[in-house]
PDB file of N, CA and C in Angstrom:
ATOM      1  N   MET A   1     100.186  22.821 137.795  1.00  0.00           N
ATOM      2  CA  MET A   1     100.536  23.502 139.031  1.00  0.00           C
ATOM      3  C   MET A   1      99.827  24.861 139.068  1.00  0.00           C
ATOM      4  N   ARG A   2      98.884  25.014 139.908  1.00  0.00           N
ATOM      5  CA  ARG A   2      98.061  26.219 140.004  1.00  0.00           C
ATOM      6  C   ARG A   2      98.875  27.405 140.535  1.00  0.00           C
ATOM      7  N   LYS A   3      98.659  28.572 139.927  1.00  0.00           N
ATOM      8  CA  LYS A   3      99.334  29.808 140.332  1.00  0.00           C
ATOM      9  C   LYS A   3      98.293  30.877 140.641  1.00  0.00           C
ATOM     10  N   GLU A   4      98.677  31.811 141.493  1.00  0.00           N
ATOM     11  CA  GLU A   4      97.842  32.989 141.720  1.00  0.00           C
ATOM     12  C   GLU A   4      98.342  34.101 140.816  1.00  0.00           C
ATOM     13  N   VAL A   5      97.395  34.790 140.172  1.00  0.00           N
ATOM     14  CA  VAL A   5      97.747  35.851 139.233  1.00  0.00           C
ATOM     15  C   VAL A   5      97.283  37.186 139.793  1.00  0.00           C
ATOM     16  N   PHE A   6      98.183  38.165 139.717  1.00  0.00           N
ATOM     17  CA  PHE A   6      97.887  39.528 140.148  1.00  0.00           C
ATOM     18  C   PHE A   6      98.176  40.481 139.000  1.00  0.00           C
ATOM     19  N   TYR A   7      97.479  41.608 139.000  1.00  0.00           N
ATOM     20  CA  TYR A   7      97.673  42.640 137.987  1.00  0.00           C
ATOM     21  C   TYR A   7      98.331  43.851 138.625  1.00  0.00           C
ATOM     22  N   ASP A   8      99.362  44.376 137.976  1.00  0.00           N
ATOM     23  CA  ASP A   8      99.855  45.699 138.333  1.00  0.00           C
ATOM     24  C   ASP A   8      98.706  46.661 138.043  1.00  0.00           C
ATOM     25  N   LYS A   9      98.520  47.665 138.900  1.00  0.00           N
ATOM     26  CA  LYS A   9      97.362  48.571 138.723  1.00  0.00           C
ATOM     27  C   LYS A   9      97.381  49.262 137.360  1.00  0.00           C
ATOM     28  N   ASN A  10      98.554  49.619 136.867  1.00  0.00           N
ATOM     29  CA  ASN A  10      98.642  50.253 135.547  1.00  0.00           C
ATOM     30  C   ASN A  10      98.322  49.257 134.433  1.00  0.00           C
ATOM     31  N   ALA A  11      98.759  48.019 134.615  1.00  0.00           N
ATOM     32  CA  ALA A  11      98.481  46.991 133.614  1.00  0.00           C
ATOM     33  C   ALA A  11      96.989  46.719 133.519  1.00  0.00           C
ATOM     34  N   LEU A  12      96.306  46.732 134.636  1.00  0.00           N
ATOM     35  CA  LEU A  12      94.865  46.502 134.626  1.00  0.00           C
ATOM     36  C   LEU A  12      94.150  47.606 133.842  1.00  0.00           C
ATOM     37  N   LYS A  13      94.584  48.846 134.012  1.00  0.00           N
ATOM     38  CA  LYS A  13      94.011  49.958 133.241  1.00  0.00           C
ATOM     39  C   LYS A  13      94.275  49.763 131.752  1.00  0.00           C
ATOM     40  N   GLU A  14      95.494  49.332 131.412  1.00  0.00           N
ATOM     41  CA  GLU A  14      95.852  49.123 130.006  1.00  0.00           C
ATOM     42  C   GLU A  14      94.993  48.014 129.394  1.00  0.00           C
ATOM     43  N   LEU A  15      94.769  46.948 130.139  1.00  0.00           N
ATOM     44  CA  LEU A  15      93.944  45.850 129.643  1.00  0.00           C
ATOM     45  C   LEU A  15      92.516  46.331 129.381  1.00  0.00           C
ATOM     46  N   GLN A  16      91.987  47.133 130.274  1.00  0.00           N
ATOM     47  CA  GLN A  16      90.622  47.634 130.125  1.00  0.00           C
ATOM     48  C   GLN A  16      90.473  48.565 128.928  1.00  0.00           C
ATOM     49  N   GLU A  17      91.567  49.172 128.483  1.00  0.00           N
ATOM     50  CA  GLU A  17      91.526  50.075 127.332  1.00  0.00           C
ATOM     51  C   GLU A  17      91.574  49.326 125.995  1.00  0.00           C
ATOM     52  N   LEU A  18      91.934  48.048 126.018  1.00  0.00           N
ATOM     53  CA  LEU A  18      91.982  47.263 124.785  1.00  0.00           C
ATOM     54  C   LEU A  18      90.567  46.886 124.362  1.00  0.00           C
ATOM     55  N   GLY A  19      90.420  46.510 123.097  1.00  0.00           N
ATOM     56  CA  GLY A  19      89.114  46.086 122.609  1.00  0.00           C
ATOM     57  C   GLY A  19      88.624  44.836 123.321  1.00  0.00           C
ATOM     58  N   GLY A  20      87.312  44.631 123.317  1.00  0.00           N
ATOM     59  CA  GLY A  20      86.705  43.512 124.028  1.00  0.00           C
ATOM     60  C   GLY A  20      87.213  42.158 123.585  1.00  0.00           C
ATOM     61  N   ALA A  21      87.417  41.966 122.278  1.00  0.00           N
ATOM     62  CA  ALA A  21      87.884  40.674 121.770  1.00  0.00           C
ATOM     63  C   ALA A  21      89.304  40.383 122.265  1.00  0.00           C
ATOM     64  N   ALA A  22      90.167  41.390 122.243  1.00  0.00           N
ATOM     65  CA  ALA A  22      91.541  41.204 122.730  1.00  0.00           C
ATOM     66  C   ALA A  22      91.539  40.910 124.227  1.00  0.00           C
ATOM     67  N   GLN A  23      90.686  41.608 124.971  1.00  0.00           N
ATOM     68  CA  GLN A  23      90.571  41.353 126.415  1.00  0.00           C
ATOM     69  C   GLN A  23      90.185  39.911 126.691  1.00  0.00           C
ATOM     70  N   LYS A  24      89.211  39.403 125.937  1.00  0.00           N
ATOM     71  CA  LYS A  24      88.750  38.032 126.137  1.00  0.00           C
ATOM     72  C   LYS A  24      89.857  37.025 125.842  1.00  0.00           C
ATOM     73  N   GLU A  25      90.635  37.274 124.791  1.00  0.00           N
ATOM     74  CA  GLU A  25      91.746  36.363 124.475  1.00  0.00           C
ATOM     75  C   GLU A  25      92.784  36.375 125.586  1.00  0.00           C
ATOM     76  N   PHE A  26      93.124  37.577 126.061  1.00  0.00           N
ATOM     77  CA  PHE A  26      94.081  37.654 127.169  1.00  0.00           C
ATOM     78  C   PHE A  26      93.539  36.909 128.391  1.00  0.00           C
ATOM     79  N   GLN A  27      92.275  37.106 128.699  1.00  0.00           N
ATOM     80  CA  GLN A  27      91.695  36.458 129.874  1.00  0.00           C
ATOM     81  C   GLN A  27      91.713  34.938 129.733  1.00  0.00           C
ATOM     82  N   ALA A  28      91.527  34.430 128.513  1.00  0.00           N
ATOM     83  CA  ALA A  28      91.603  32.984 128.287  1.00  0.00           C
ATOM     84  C   ALA A  28      93.013  32.476 128.550  1.00  0.00           C
ATOM     85  N   TYR A  29      94.026  33.204 128.070  1.00  0.00           N
ATOM     86  CA  TYR A  29      95.413  32.794 128.307  1.00  0.00           C
ATOM     87  C   TYR A  29      95.776  32.910 129.789  1.00  0.00           C
ATOM     88  N   ILE A  30      95.267  33.935 130.435  1.00  0.00           N
ATOM     89  CA  ILE A  30      95.539  34.115 131.866  1.00  0.00           C
ATOM     90  C   ILE A  30      94.906  32.972 132.665  1.00  0.00           C
ATOM     91  N   ALA A  31      93.740  32.510 132.246  1.00  0.00           N
ATOM     92  CA  ALA A  31      93.105  31.363 132.909  1.00  0.00           C
ATOM     93  C   ALA A  31      93.976  30.117 132.778  1.00  0.00           C
ATOM     94  N   ILE A  32      94.607  29.942 131.621  1.00  0.00           N
ATOM     95  CA  ILE A  32      95.534  28.812 131.439  1.00  0.00           C
ATOM     96  C   ILE A  32      96.726  28.976 132.368  1.00  0.00           C
ATOM     97  N   LEU A  33      97.243  30.202 132.482  1.00  0.00           N
ATOM     98  CA  LEU A  33      98.360  30.454 133.409  1.00  0.00           C
ATOM     99  C   LEU A  33      97.985  30.070 134.837  1.00  0.00           C
ATOM    100  N   VAL A  34      96.790  30.419 135.251  1.00  0.00           N
ATOM    101  CA  VAL A  34      96.335  30.099 136.606  1.00  0.00           C
ATOM    102  C   VAL A  34      96.328  28.587 136.810  1.00  0.00           C
ATOM    103  N   GLU A  35      95.746  27.861 135.865  1.00  0.00           N
ATOM    104  CA  GLU A  35      95.581  26.411 136.007  1.00  0.00           C
ATOM    105  C   GLU A  35      96.872  25.628 135.795  1.00  0.00           C
ATOM    106  N   GLU A  36      97.626  25.981 134.758  1.00  0.00           N
ATOM    107  CA  GLU A  36      98.792  25.184 134.389  1.00  0.00           C
ATOM    108  C   GLU A  36     100.121  25.795 134.827  1.00  0.00           C
ATOM    109  N   GLY A  37     100.105  27.082 135.159  1.00  0.00           N
ATOM    110  CA  GLY A  37     101.323  27.732 135.620  1.00  0.00           C
ATOM    111  C   GLY A  37     102.277  28.193 134.540  1.00  0.00           C
ATOM    112  N   LYS A  38     101.924  27.932 133.265  1.00  0.00           N
ATOM    113  CA  LYS A  38     102.795  28.371 132.168  1.00  0.00           C
ATOM    114  C   LYS A  38     102.026  28.372 130.861  1.00  0.00           C
ATOM    115  N   LEU A  39     102.577  29.060 129.885  1.00  0.00           N
ATOM    116  CA  LEU A  39     102.080  29.060 128.518  1.00  0.00           C
ATOM    117  C   LEU A  39     103.228  28.640 127.612  1.00  0.00           C
ATOM    118  N   GLU A  40     102.902  28.040 126.496  1.00  0.00           N
ATOM    119  CA  GLU A  40     103.909  27.593 125.536  1.00  0.00           C
ATOM    120  C   GLU A  40     103.883  28.477 124.291  1.00  0.00           C
ATOM    121  N   PHE A  41     104.960  28.425 123.501  1.00  0.00           N
ATOM    122  CA  PHE A  41     105.026  29.105 122.218  1.00  0.00           C
ATOM    123  C   PHE A  41     103.992  28.476 121.298  1.00  0.00           C
ATOM    124  N   PRO A  42     103.232  29.177 120.510  1.00  0.00           N
ATOM    125  CA  PRO A  42     103.331  30.571 120.119  1.00  0.00           C
ATOM    126  C   PRO A  42     102.509  31.530 120.982  1.00  0.00           C
ATOM    127  N   GLU A  43     101.757  31.021 121.953  1.00  0.00           N
ATOM    128  CA  GLU A  43     100.952  31.912 122.789  1.00  0.00           C
ATOM    129  C   GLU A  43     101.806  32.799 123.683  1.00  0.00           C
ATOM    130  N   ALA A  44     102.986  32.332 124.039  1.00  0.00           N
ATOM    131  CA  ALA A  44     103.871  33.104 124.911  1.00  0.00           C
ATOM    132  C   ALA A  44     105.321  32.808 124.548  1.00  0.00           C
ATOM    133  N   ARG A  45     106.193  33.693 124.990  1.00  0.00           N
ATOM    134  CA  ARG A  45     107.626  33.444 124.809  1.00  0.00           C
ATOM    135  C   ARG A  45     108.392  34.178 125.897  1.00  0.00           C
ATOM    136  N   LYS A  46     109.605  33.706 126.145  1.00  0.00           N
ATOM    137  CA  LYS A  46     110.469  34.332 127.141  1.00  0.00           C
ATOM    138  C   LYS A  46     111.159  35.523 126.492  1.00  0.00           C
ATOM    139  N   VAL A  47     111.114  36.673 127.174  1.00  0.00           N
ATOM    140  CA  VAL A  47     111.701  37.896 126.633  1.00  0.00           C
ATOM    141  C   VAL A  47     113.074  38.147 127.254  1.00  0.00           C
ATOM    142  N   SER A  48     113.179  37.914 128.551  1.00  0.00           N
ATOM    143  CA  SER A  48     114.453  38.072 129.255  1.00  0.00           C
ATOM    144  C   SER A  48     114.495  37.057 130.393  1.00  0.00           C
ATOM    145  N   LYS A  49     115.476  37.180 131.242  1.00  0.00           N
ATOM    146  CA  LYS A  49     115.680  36.215 132.326  1.00  0.00           C
ATOM    147  C   LYS A  49     114.399  35.923 133.104  1.00  0.00           C
ATOM    148  N   ASN A  50     113.641  36.963 133.449  1.00  0.00           N
ATOM    149  CA  ASN A  50     112.455  36.764 134.284  1.00  0.00           C
ATOM    150  C   ASN A  50     111.199  37.436 133.726  1.00  0.00           C
ATOM    151  N   LEU A  51     111.196  37.747 132.448  1.00  0.00           N
ATOM    152  CA  LEU A  51     110.064  38.431 131.821  1.00  0.00           C
ATOM    153  C   LEU A  51     109.544  37.594 130.656  1.00  0.00           C
ATOM    154  N   PHE A  52     108.214  37.425 130.627  1.00  0.00           N
ATOM    155  CA  PHE A  52     107.573  36.635 129.588  1.00  0.00           C
ATOM    156  C   PHE A  52     106.513  37.470 128.890  1.00  0.00           C
ATOM    157  N   GLU A  53     106.184  37.075 127.655  1.00  0.00           N
ATOM    158  CA  GLU A  53     105.268  37.838 126.822  1.00  0.00           C
ATOM    159  C   GLU A  53     104.118  36.939 126.372  1.00  0.00           C
ATOM    160  N   ILE A  54     102.879  37.404 126.552  1.00  0.00           N
ATOM    161  CA  ILE A  54     101.706  36.736 125.992  1.00  0.00           C
ATOM    162  C   ILE A  54     101.419  37.403 124.652  1.00  0.00           C
ATOM    163  N   ARG A  55     101.156  36.580 123.643  1.00  0.00           N
ATOM    164  CA  ARG A  55     100.952  37.088 122.292  1.00  0.00           C
ATOM    165  C   ARG A  55      99.515  36.845 121.844  1.00  0.00           C
ATOM    166  N   VAL A  56      98.810  37.919 121.500  1.00  0.00           N
ATOM    167  CA  VAL A  56      97.430  37.829 121.020  1.00  0.00           C
ATOM    168  C   VAL A  56      97.346  38.508 119.664  1.00  0.00           C
ATOM    169  N   ILE A  57      96.759  37.787 118.708  1.00  0.00           N
ATOM    170  CA  ILE A  57      96.512  38.389 117.398  1.00  0.00           C
ATOM    171  C   ILE A  57      95.014  38.284 117.143  1.00  0.00           C
ATOM    172  N   HIS A  58      94.346  39.425 117.230  1.00  0.00           N
ATOM    173  CA  HIS A  58      92.902  39.482 116.999  1.00  0.00           C
ATOM    174  C   HIS A  58      92.578  40.893 116.536  1.00  0.00           C
ATOM    175  N   GLU A  59      92.330  41.061 115.241  1.00  0.00           N
ATOM    176  CA  GLU A  59      92.109  42.383 114.660  1.00  0.00           C
ATOM    177  C   GLU A  59      93.245  43.321 115.052  1.00  0.00           C
ATOM    178  N   GLY A  60      94.451  42.840 114.919  1.00  0.00           N
ATOM    179  CA  GLY A  60      95.664  43.547 115.313  1.00  0.00           C
ATOM    180  C   GLY A  60      96.470  42.668 116.253  1.00  0.00           C
ATOM    181  N   ALA A  61      97.665  43.110 116.562  1.00  0.00           N
ATOM    182  CA  ALA A  61      98.541  42.344 117.456  1.00  0.00           C
ATOM    183  C   ALA A  61      98.615  43.050 118.806  1.00  0.00           C
ATOM    184  N   TYR A  62      98.558  42.251 119.855  1.00  0.00           N
ATOM    185  CA  TYR A  62      98.613  42.768 121.224  1.00  0.00           C
ATOM    186  C   TYR A  62      99.591  41.927 122.018  1.00  0.00           C
ATOM    187  N   ARG A  63     100.199  42.542 123.011  1.00  0.00           N
ATOM    188  CA  ARG A  63     101.144  41.840 123.866  1.00  0.00           C
ATOM    189  C   ARG A  63     100.889  42.199 125.324  1.00  0.00           C
ATOM    190  N   ALA A  64     101.283  41.275 126.190  1.00  0.00           N
ATOM    191  CA  ALA A  64     101.261  41.499 127.635  1.00  0.00           C
ATOM    192  C   ALA A  64     102.530  40.902 128.206  1.00  0.00           C
ATOM    193  N   PHE A  65     103.096  41.572 129.176  1.00  0.00           N
ATOM    194  CA  PHE A  65     104.275  41.045 129.860  1.00  0.00           C
ATOM    195  C   PHE A  65     103.876  40.568 131.241  1.00  0.00           C
ATOM    196  N   TYR A  66     104.467  39.454 131.641  1.00  0.00           N
ATOM    197  CA  TYR A  66     104.246  38.929 132.986  1.00  0.00           C
ATOM    198  C   TYR A  66     105.532  38.336 133.522  1.00  0.00           C
ATOM    199  N   ALA A  67     105.543  38.130 134.831  1.00  0.00           N
ATOM    200  CA  ALA A  67     106.721  37.550 135.486  1.00  0.00           C
ATOM    201  C   ALA A  67     106.260  36.659 136.635  1.00  0.00           C
ATOM    202  N   TYR A  68     107.126  35.730 136.993  1.00  0.00           N
ATOM    203  CA  TYR A  68     106.862  34.865 138.142  1.00  0.00           C
ATOM    204  C   TYR A  68     107.475  35.495 139.377  1.00  0.00           C
ATOM    205  N   ILE A  69     106.695  35.537 140.444  1.00  0.00           N
ATOM    206  CA  ILE A  69     107.169  36.068 141.717  1.00  0.00           C
ATOM    207  C   ILE A  69     107.170  34.904 142.696  1.00  0.00           C
ATOM    208  N   ARG A  70     108.299  34.654 143.297  1.00  0.00           N
ATOM    209  CA  ARG A  70     108.467  33.468 144.143  1.00  0.00           C
ATOM    210  C   ARG A  70     108.058  32.242 143.339  1.00  0.00           C
ATOM    211  N   LYS A  71     107.403  31.286 143.944  1.00  0.00           N
ATOM    212  CA  LYS A  71     107.038  30.085 143.186  1.00  0.00           C
ATOM    213  C   LYS A  71     105.584  30.064 142.737  1.00  0.00           C
ATOM    214  N   ASP A  72     104.706  30.642 143.515  1.00  0.00           N
ATOM    215  CA  ASP A  72     103.284  30.453 143.268  1.00  0.00           C
ATOM    216  C   ASP A  72     102.544  31.669 142.740  1.00  0.00           C
ATOM    217  N   TYR A  73     103.257  32.726 142.370  1.00  0.00           N
ATOM    218  CA  TYR A  73     102.592  33.962 141.963  1.00  0.00           C
ATOM    219  C   TYR A  73     103.071  34.413 140.582  1.00  0.00           C
ATOM    220  N   ILE A  74     102.111  34.978 139.837  1.00  0.00           N
ATOM    221  CA  ILE A  74     102.408  35.585 138.542  1.00  0.00           C
ATOM    222  C   ILE A  74     101.862  37.003 138.591  1.00  0.00           C
ATOM    223  N   ILE A  75     102.675  37.956 138.150  1.00  0.00           N
ATOM    224  CA  ILE A  75     102.234  39.351 138.100  1.00  0.00           C
ATOM    225  C   ILE A  75     102.168  39.785 136.634  1.00  0.00           C
ATOM    226  N   LEU A  76     101.020  40.304 136.233  1.00  0.00           N
ATOM    227  CA  LEU A  76     100.849  40.852 134.891  1.00  0.00           C
ATOM    228  C   LEU A  76     101.266  42.314 134.956  1.00  0.00           C
ATOM    229  N   LEU A  77     102.216  42.682 134.107  1.00  0.00           N
ATOM    230  CA  LEU A  77     102.896  43.963 134.254  1.00  0.00           C
ATOM    231  C   LEU A  77     102.500  45.038 133.241  1.00  0.00           C
ATOM    232  N   HIS A  78     102.226  44.642 131.994  1.00  0.00           N
ATOM    233  CA  HIS A  78     102.039  45.662 130.954  1.00  0.00           C
ATOM    234  C   HIS A  78     101.289  45.054 129.768  1.00  0.00           C
ATOM    235  N   PHE A  79     100.243  45.738 129.293  1.00  0.00           N
ATOM    236  CA  PHE A  79      99.480  45.351 128.104  1.00  0.00           C
ATOM    237  C   PHE A  79      99.601  46.475 127.089  1.00  0.00           C
ATOM    238  N   PHE A  80      99.731  46.116 125.806  1.00  0.00           N
ATOM    239  CA  PHE A  80      99.822  47.160 124.778  1.00  0.00           C
ATOM    240  C   PHE A  80      99.533  46.586 123.394  1.00  0.00           C
ATOM    241  N   PRO A  81      99.043  47.453 122.480  1.00  0.00           N
ATOM    242  CA  PRO A  81      98.898  47.022 121.085  1.00  0.00           C
ATOM    243  C   PRO A  81     100.275  47.053 120.424  1.00  0.00           C
ATOM    244  N   LYS A  82     100.572  46.052 119.653  1.00  0.00           N
ATOM    245  CA  LYS A  82     101.882  45.969 118.994  1.00  0.00           C
ATOM    246  C   LYS A  82     101.735  46.497 117.571  1.00  0.00           C
ATOM    247  N   LYS A  83     102.567  47.461 117.220  1.00  0.00           N
ATOM    248  CA  LYS A  83     102.432  48.111 115.913  1.00  0.00           C
ATOM    249  C   LYS A  83     103.629  47.885 115.008  1.00  0.00           C
ATOM    250  N   THR A  84     104.688  47.259 115.526  1.00  0.00           N
ATOM    251  CA  THR A  84     105.886  47.012 114.724  1.00  0.00           C
ATOM    252  C   THR A  84     106.215  45.528 114.743  1.00  0.00           C
ATOM    253  N   GLN A  85     107.082  45.109 113.838  1.00  0.00           N
ATOM    254  CA  GLN A  85     107.485  43.706 113.762  1.00  0.00           C
ATOM    255  C   GLN A  85     108.148  43.248 115.059  1.00  0.00           C
ATOM    256  N   LYS A  86     109.040  44.065 115.563  1.00  0.00           N
ATOM    257  CA  LYS A  86     109.783  43.736 116.778  1.00  0.00           C
ATOM    258  C   LYS A  86     109.125  44.424 117.979  1.00  0.00           C
ATOM    259  N   THR A  87     109.131  43.760 119.128  1.00  0.00           N
ATOM    260  CA  THR A  87     108.564  44.362 120.332  1.00  0.00           C
ATOM    261  C   THR A  87     109.415  45.580 120.713  1.00  0.00           C
ATOM    262  N   PRO A  88     108.794  46.756 120.828  1.00  0.00           N
ATOM    263  CA  PRO A  88     109.557  47.965 121.158  1.00  0.00           C
ATOM    264  C   PRO A  88     110.263  47.859 122.509  1.00  0.00           C
ATOM    265  N   LEU A  89     111.488  48.302 122.547  1.00  0.00           N
ATOM    266  CA  LEU A  89     112.291  48.265 123.766  1.00  0.00           C
ATOM    267  C   LEU A  89     111.637  49.073 124.883  1.00  0.00           C
ATOM    268  N   LYS A  90     110.963  50.176 124.531  1.00  0.00           N
ATOM    269  CA  LYS A  90     110.327  50.998 125.567  1.00  0.00           C
ATOM    270  C   LYS A  90     109.261  50.203 126.324  1.00  0.00           C
ATOM    271  N   ASN A  91     108.547  49.301 125.640  1.00  0.00           N
ATOM    272  CA  ASN A  91     107.542  48.483 126.314  1.00  0.00           C
ATOM    273  C   ASN A  91     108.189  47.455 127.238  1.00  0.00           C
ATOM    274  N   ILE A  92     109.296  46.899 126.818  1.00  0.00           N
ATOM    275  CA  ILE A  92     110.033  45.954 127.672  1.00  0.00           C
ATOM    276  C   ILE A  92     110.523  46.675 128.922  1.00  0.00           C
ATOM    277  N   LYS A  93     111.025  47.895 128.745  1.00  0.00           N
ATOM    278  CA  LYS A  93     111.535  48.659 129.891  1.00  0.00           C
ATOM    279  C   LYS A  93     110.417  49.024 130.868  1.00  0.00           C
ATOM    280  N   ILE A  94     109.233  49.341 130.351  1.00  0.00           N
ATOM    281  CA  ILE A  94     108.094  49.633 131.232  1.00  0.00           C
ATOM    282  C   ILE A  94     107.815  48.420 132.111  1.00  0.00           C
ATOM    283  N   ALA A  95     107.763  47.241 131.494  1.00  0.00           N
ATOM    284  CA  ALA A  95     107.488  46.016 132.258  1.00  0.00           C
ATOM    285  C   ALA A  95     108.594  45.748 133.280  1.00  0.00           C
ATOM    286  N   GLN A  96     109.845  45.947 132.893  1.00  0.00           N
ATOM    287  CA  GLN A  96     110.958  45.708 133.817  1.00  0.00           C
ATOM    288  C   GLN A  96     110.917  46.677 134.995  1.00  0.00           C
ATOM    289  N   GLN A  97     110.573  47.942 134.736  1.00  0.00           N
ATOM    290  CA  GLN A  97     110.477  48.917 135.829  1.00  0.00           C
ATOM    291  C   GLN A  97     109.362  48.545 136.795  1.00  0.00           C
ATOM    292  N   ARG A  98     108.238  48.124 136.251  1.00  0.00           N
ATOM    293  CA  ARG A  98     107.123  47.730 137.119  1.00  0.00           C
ATOM    294  C   ARG A  98     107.475  46.478 137.924  1.00  0.00           C
ATOM    295  N   LEU A  99     108.220  45.567 137.318  1.00  0.00           N
ATOM    296  CA  LEU A  99     108.608  44.340 138.000  1.00  0.00           C
ATOM    297  C   LEU A  99     109.477  44.627 139.215  1.00  0.00           C
ATOM    298  N   LYS A 100     110.303  45.650 139.146  1.00  0.00           N
ATOM    299  CA  LYS A 100     111.195  45.990 140.273  1.00  0.00           C
ATOM    300  C   LYS A 100     110.414  46.248 141.562  1.00  0.00           C
ATOM    301  N   GLN A 101     109.186  46.726 141.448  1.00  0.00           N
ATOM    302  CA  GLN A 101     108.359  46.981 142.644  1.00  0.00           C
ATOM    303  C   GLN A 101     107.974  45.693 143.359  1.00  0.00           C
ATOM    304  N   TYR A 102     107.987  44.576 142.637  1.00  0.00           N
ATOM    305  CA  TYR A 102     107.488  43.313 143.188  1.00  0.00           C
ATOM    306  C   TYR A 102     108.591  42.342 143.568  1.00  0.00           C
ATOM    307  N   GLU A 103     109.821  42.637 143.210  1.00  0.00           N
ATOM    308  CA  GLU A 103     110.918  41.711 143.511  1.00  0.00           C
ATOM    309  C   GLU A 103     111.406  41.850 144.936  1.00  0.00           C
TER     310      GLU A 103
END
């Protein structure tokens, strides 16, 4: 089921600040999201009711949060390098705040 993907303007800046290899991995996963409409574990996981996380490990760990808007849209909300075992709550809150603009 094909989906349209949009980037929050801040998320797009964050993605551009990541290394080239991490960007390419994210773009590959985003292409799968466009074509199939979802990602499976371990590439992604559900974080909360309407927030999902893309997981990239390439010369470090990186994460991106996304959400489904209506039925046919996906919004990419936040990209960041992961430095701890557990995803920091502050990063989840950033994604949730950005999501409120689109709901």
